[in-house]
Amino acid sequence: MVRRKKKKKKRPAWGIPKGIVLLATPEGWRTSVLTDSGTLCGRLDVPVNTDPQDARAAAAVMVTELARDFHGTDVEVTWDPPREAWAWTAHVTLAADDQPPSPDAEG
């Protein structure tokens, strides 16, 4: 029998994360990571009964690792005050060390 050569799969070219939506559902914690090029949706790998503060921390770690692994950059996650008891949103920004120099900077 002839076997085909396995092709290496390319990683998707996701943009740098810009925001997070975290939802508590009866089935577990769901996330949507907003990027320049689209939205990545999935389940957060924590137990269903995880405290919301711990779920937010786990989502922030997931996004910072995503930015570091795929883009080689550090990001900071800032959570907004919740509007609903079961939903949270966050802004993701480049860490201060990774900010591009401003045009006004002397150099």
C-alpha atoms as a PDB file:
ATOM      1  CA  MET A   1       0.000   0.000   0.000  1.00  0.00           C
ATOM      2  CA  VAL A   2       1.295   3.481  -0.889  1.00  0.00           C
ATOM      3  CA  ARG A   3       1.133   6.144   1.788  1.00  0.00           C
ATOM      4  CA  ARG A   4       0.846   9.825   1.194  1.00  0.00           C
ATOM      5  CA  LYS A   5       3.389  12.188   2.632  1.00  0.00           C
ATOM      6  CA  LYS A   6       2.055  14.024   5.620  1.00  0.00           C
ATOM      7  CA  LYS A   7       1.965  17.743   5.133  1.00  0.00           C
ATOM      8  CA  LYS A   8       2.908  19.991   8.003  1.00  0.00           C
ATOM      9  CA  LYS A   9      -0.046  22.053   9.058  1.00  0.00           C
ATOM     10  CA  LYS A  10       0.501  25.772   9.281  1.00  0.00           C
ATOM     11  CA  ARG A  11      -0.662  27.609  12.327  1.00  0.00           C
ATOM     12  CA  PRO A  12      -3.442  30.054  11.569  1.00  0.00           C
ATOM     13  CA  ALA A  13      -2.424  33.675  11.206  1.00  0.00           C
ATOM     14  CA  TRP A  14      -4.596  35.026  13.996  1.00  0.00           C
ATOM     15  CA  GLY A  15      -4.240  38.665  14.841  1.00  0.00           C
ATOM     16  CA  ILE A  16      -3.102  39.995  18.196  1.00  0.00           C
ATOM     17  CA  PRO A  17      -5.907  39.710  20.789  1.00  0.00           C
ATOM     18  CA  LYS A  18      -7.870  42.924  21.339  1.00  0.00           C
ATOM     19  CA  GLY A  19     -10.629  41.772  23.707  1.00  0.00           C
ATOM     20  CA  ILE A  20     -12.206  38.891  25.596  1.00  0.00           C
ATOM     21  CA  VAL A  21     -15.806  37.916  26.218  1.00  0.00           C
ATOM     22  CA  LEU A  22     -16.303  35.388  29.032  1.00  0.00           C
ATOM     23  CA  LEU A  23     -19.672  33.714  29.574  1.00  0.00           C
ATOM     24  CA  ALA A  24     -20.843  31.396  32.360  1.00  0.00           C
ATOM     25  CA  THR A  25     -23.104  28.696  30.884  1.00  0.00           C
ATOM     26  CA  PRO A  26     -24.633  25.587  32.457  1.00  0.00           C
ATOM     27  CA  GLU A  27     -22.163  23.501  30.415  1.00  0.00           C
ATOM     28  CA  GLY A  28     -19.104  25.510  31.480  1.00  0.00           C
ATOM     29  CA  TRP A  29     -17.178  28.697  30.857  1.00  0.00           C
ATOM     30  CA  ARG A  30     -17.149  29.926  27.226  1.00  0.00           C
ATOM     31  CA  THR A  31     -14.718  32.459  25.764  1.00  0.00           C
ATOM     32  CA  SER A  32     -14.514  34.571  22.654  1.00  0.00           C
ATOM     33  CA  VAL A  33     -11.160  36.194  21.927  1.00  0.00           C
ATOM     34  CA  LEU A  34     -11.473  39.176  19.601  1.00  0.00           C
ATOM     35  CA  THR A  35      -8.520  39.770  17.252  1.00  0.00           C
ATOM     36  CA  ASP A  36      -7.659  41.981  14.285  1.00  0.00           C
ATOM     37  CA  SER A  37      -8.562  39.168  11.906  1.00  0.00           C
ATOM     38  CA  GLY A  38     -11.598  37.603  13.582  1.00  0.00           C
ATOM     39  CA  THR A  39     -12.897  35.906  16.681  1.00  0.00           C
ATOM     40  CA  LEU A  40     -11.685  32.703  18.331  1.00  0.00           C
ATOM     41  CA  CYS A  41     -14.396  30.958  20.340  1.00  0.00           C
ATOM     42  CA  GLY A  42     -14.109  28.030  22.681  1.00  0.00           C
ATOM     43  CA  ARG A  43     -14.445  26.535  26.110  1.00  0.00           C
ATOM     44  CA  LEU A  44     -12.262  27.620  29.012  1.00  0.00           C
ATOM     45  CA  ASP A  45     -10.463  24.661  30.567  1.00  0.00           C
ATOM     46  CA  VAL A  46     -11.742  25.112  34.146  1.00  0.00           C
ATOM     47  CA  PRO A  47     -14.459  23.260  36.099  1.00  0.00           C
ATOM     48  CA  VAL A  48     -18.064  24.447  35.700  1.00  0.00           C
ATOM     49  CA  ASN A  49     -18.263  25.527  39.347  1.00  0.00           C
ATOM     50  CA  THR A  50     -15.148  27.728  39.192  1.00  0.00           C
ATOM     51  CA  ASP A  51     -15.472  31.109  40.907  1.00  0.00           C
ATOM     52  CA  PRO A  52     -15.943  33.938  38.355  1.00  0.00           C
ATOM     53  CA  GLN A  53     -12.798  35.728  39.542  1.00  0.00           C
ATOM     54  CA  ASP A  54     -10.764  32.550  38.976  1.00  0.00           C
ATOM     55  CA  ALA A  55     -12.375  32.054  35.556  1.00  0.00           C
ATOM     56  CA  ARG A  56     -11.424  35.630  34.580  1.00  0.00           C
ATOM     57  CA  ALA A  57      -7.855  34.988  35.734  1.00  0.00           C
ATOM     58  CA  ALA A  58      -7.706  31.752  33.696  1.00  0.00           C
ATOM     59  CA  ALA A  59      -9.044  33.546  30.597  1.00  0.00           C
ATOM     60  CA  ALA A  60      -6.450  36.312  31.021  1.00  0.00           C
ATOM     61  CA  VAL A  61      -3.644  33.742  31.292  1.00  0.00           C
ATOM     62  CA  MET A  62      -4.937  31.948  28.187  1.00  0.00           C
ATOM     63  CA  VAL A  63      -4.911  35.178  26.154  1.00  0.00           C
ATOM     64  CA  THR A  64      -1.490  36.330  27.364  1.00  0.00           C
ATOM     65  CA  GLU A  65      -0.024  32.922  26.475  1.00  0.00           C
ATOM     66  CA  LEU A  66      -1.743  33.045  23.065  1.00  0.00           C
ATOM     67  CA  ALA A  67      -0.182  36.459  22.340  1.00  0.00           C
ATOM     68  CA  ARG A  68       3.244  35.316  23.529  1.00  0.00           C
ATOM     69  CA  ASP A  69       3.199  31.980  21.652  1.00  0.00           C
ATOM     70  CA  PHE A  70       1.794  33.212  18.334  1.00  0.00           C
ATOM     71  CA  HIS A  71       3.043  36.794  18.199  1.00  0.00           C
ATOM     72  CA  GLY A  72       6.024  36.947  20.543  1.00  0.00           C
ATOM     73  CA  THR A  73       4.509  39.868  22.416  1.00  0.00           C
ATOM     74  CA  ASP A  74       3.238  40.530  25.916  1.00  0.00           C
ATOM     75  CA  VAL A  75      -0.262  41.857  26.526  1.00  0.00           C
ATOM     76  CA  GLU A  76      -2.200  43.171  29.498  1.00  0.00           C
ATOM     77  CA  VAL A  77      -5.825  42.266  30.212  1.00  0.00           C
ATOM     78  CA  THR A  78      -8.158  44.795  31.878  1.00  0.00           C
ATOM     79  CA  TRP A  79     -11.616  43.561  32.889  1.00  0.00           C
ATOM     80  CA  ASP A  80     -14.620  45.865  32.581  1.00  0.00           C
ATOM     81  CA  PRO A  81     -17.200  46.013  35.385  1.00  0.00           C
ATOM     82  CA  PRO A  82     -19.802  43.293  34.684  1.00  0.00           C
ATOM     83  CA  ARG A  83     -23.126  44.365  33.204  1.00  0.00           C
ATOM     84  CA  GLU A  84     -24.652  40.922  33.721  1.00  0.00           C
ATOM     85  CA  ALA A  85     -24.028  38.433  36.517  1.00  0.00           C
ATOM     86  CA  TRP A  86     -22.952  35.763  33.980  1.00  0.00           C
ATOM     87  CA  ALA A  87     -20.945  37.758  31.398  1.00  0.00           C
ATOM     88  CA  TRP A  88     -17.650  39.670  31.495  1.00  0.00           C
ATOM     89  CA  THR A  89     -15.665  41.614  28.922  1.00  0.00           C
ATOM     90  CA  ALA A  90     -12.043  42.692  28.898  1.00  0.00           C
ATOM     91  CA  HIS A  91      -9.758  44.903  26.850  1.00  0.00           C
ATOM     92  CA  VAL A  92      -6.415  43.486  25.761  1.00  0.00           C
ATOM     93  CA  THR A  93      -3.582  45.930  25.115  1.00  0.00           C
ATOM     94  CA  LEU A  94       0.101  45.580  24.338  1.00  0.00           C
ATOM     95  CA  ALA A  95       2.233  45.628  27.470  1.00  0.00           C
ATOM     96  CA  ALA A  96       4.127  48.861  28.106  1.00  0.00           C
ATOM     97  CA  ASP A  97       7.449  47.250  27.101  1.00  0.00           C
ATOM     98  CA  ASP A  98       6.023  46.172  23.726  1.00  0.00           C
ATOM     99  CA  GLN A  99       4.556  49.534  22.750  1.00  0.00           C
ATOM    100  CA  PRO A 100       5.990  50.974  19.547  1.00  0.00           C
ATOM    101  CA  PRO A 101       7.902  54.231  20.069  1.00  0.00           C
ATOM    102  CA  SER A 102       5.767  57.330  19.763  1.00  0.00           C
ATOM    103  CA  PRO A 103       6.473  59.751  16.914  1.00  0.00           C
ATOM    104  CA  ASP A 104       7.207  62.464  19.511  1.00  0.00           C
ATOM    105  CA  ALA A 105       9.998  60.421  21.142  1.00  0.00           C
ATOM    106  CA  GLU A 106      13.419  61.906  20.792  1.00  0.00           C
ATOM    107  CA  GLY A 107      15.992  59.753  19.137  1.00  0.00           C
END
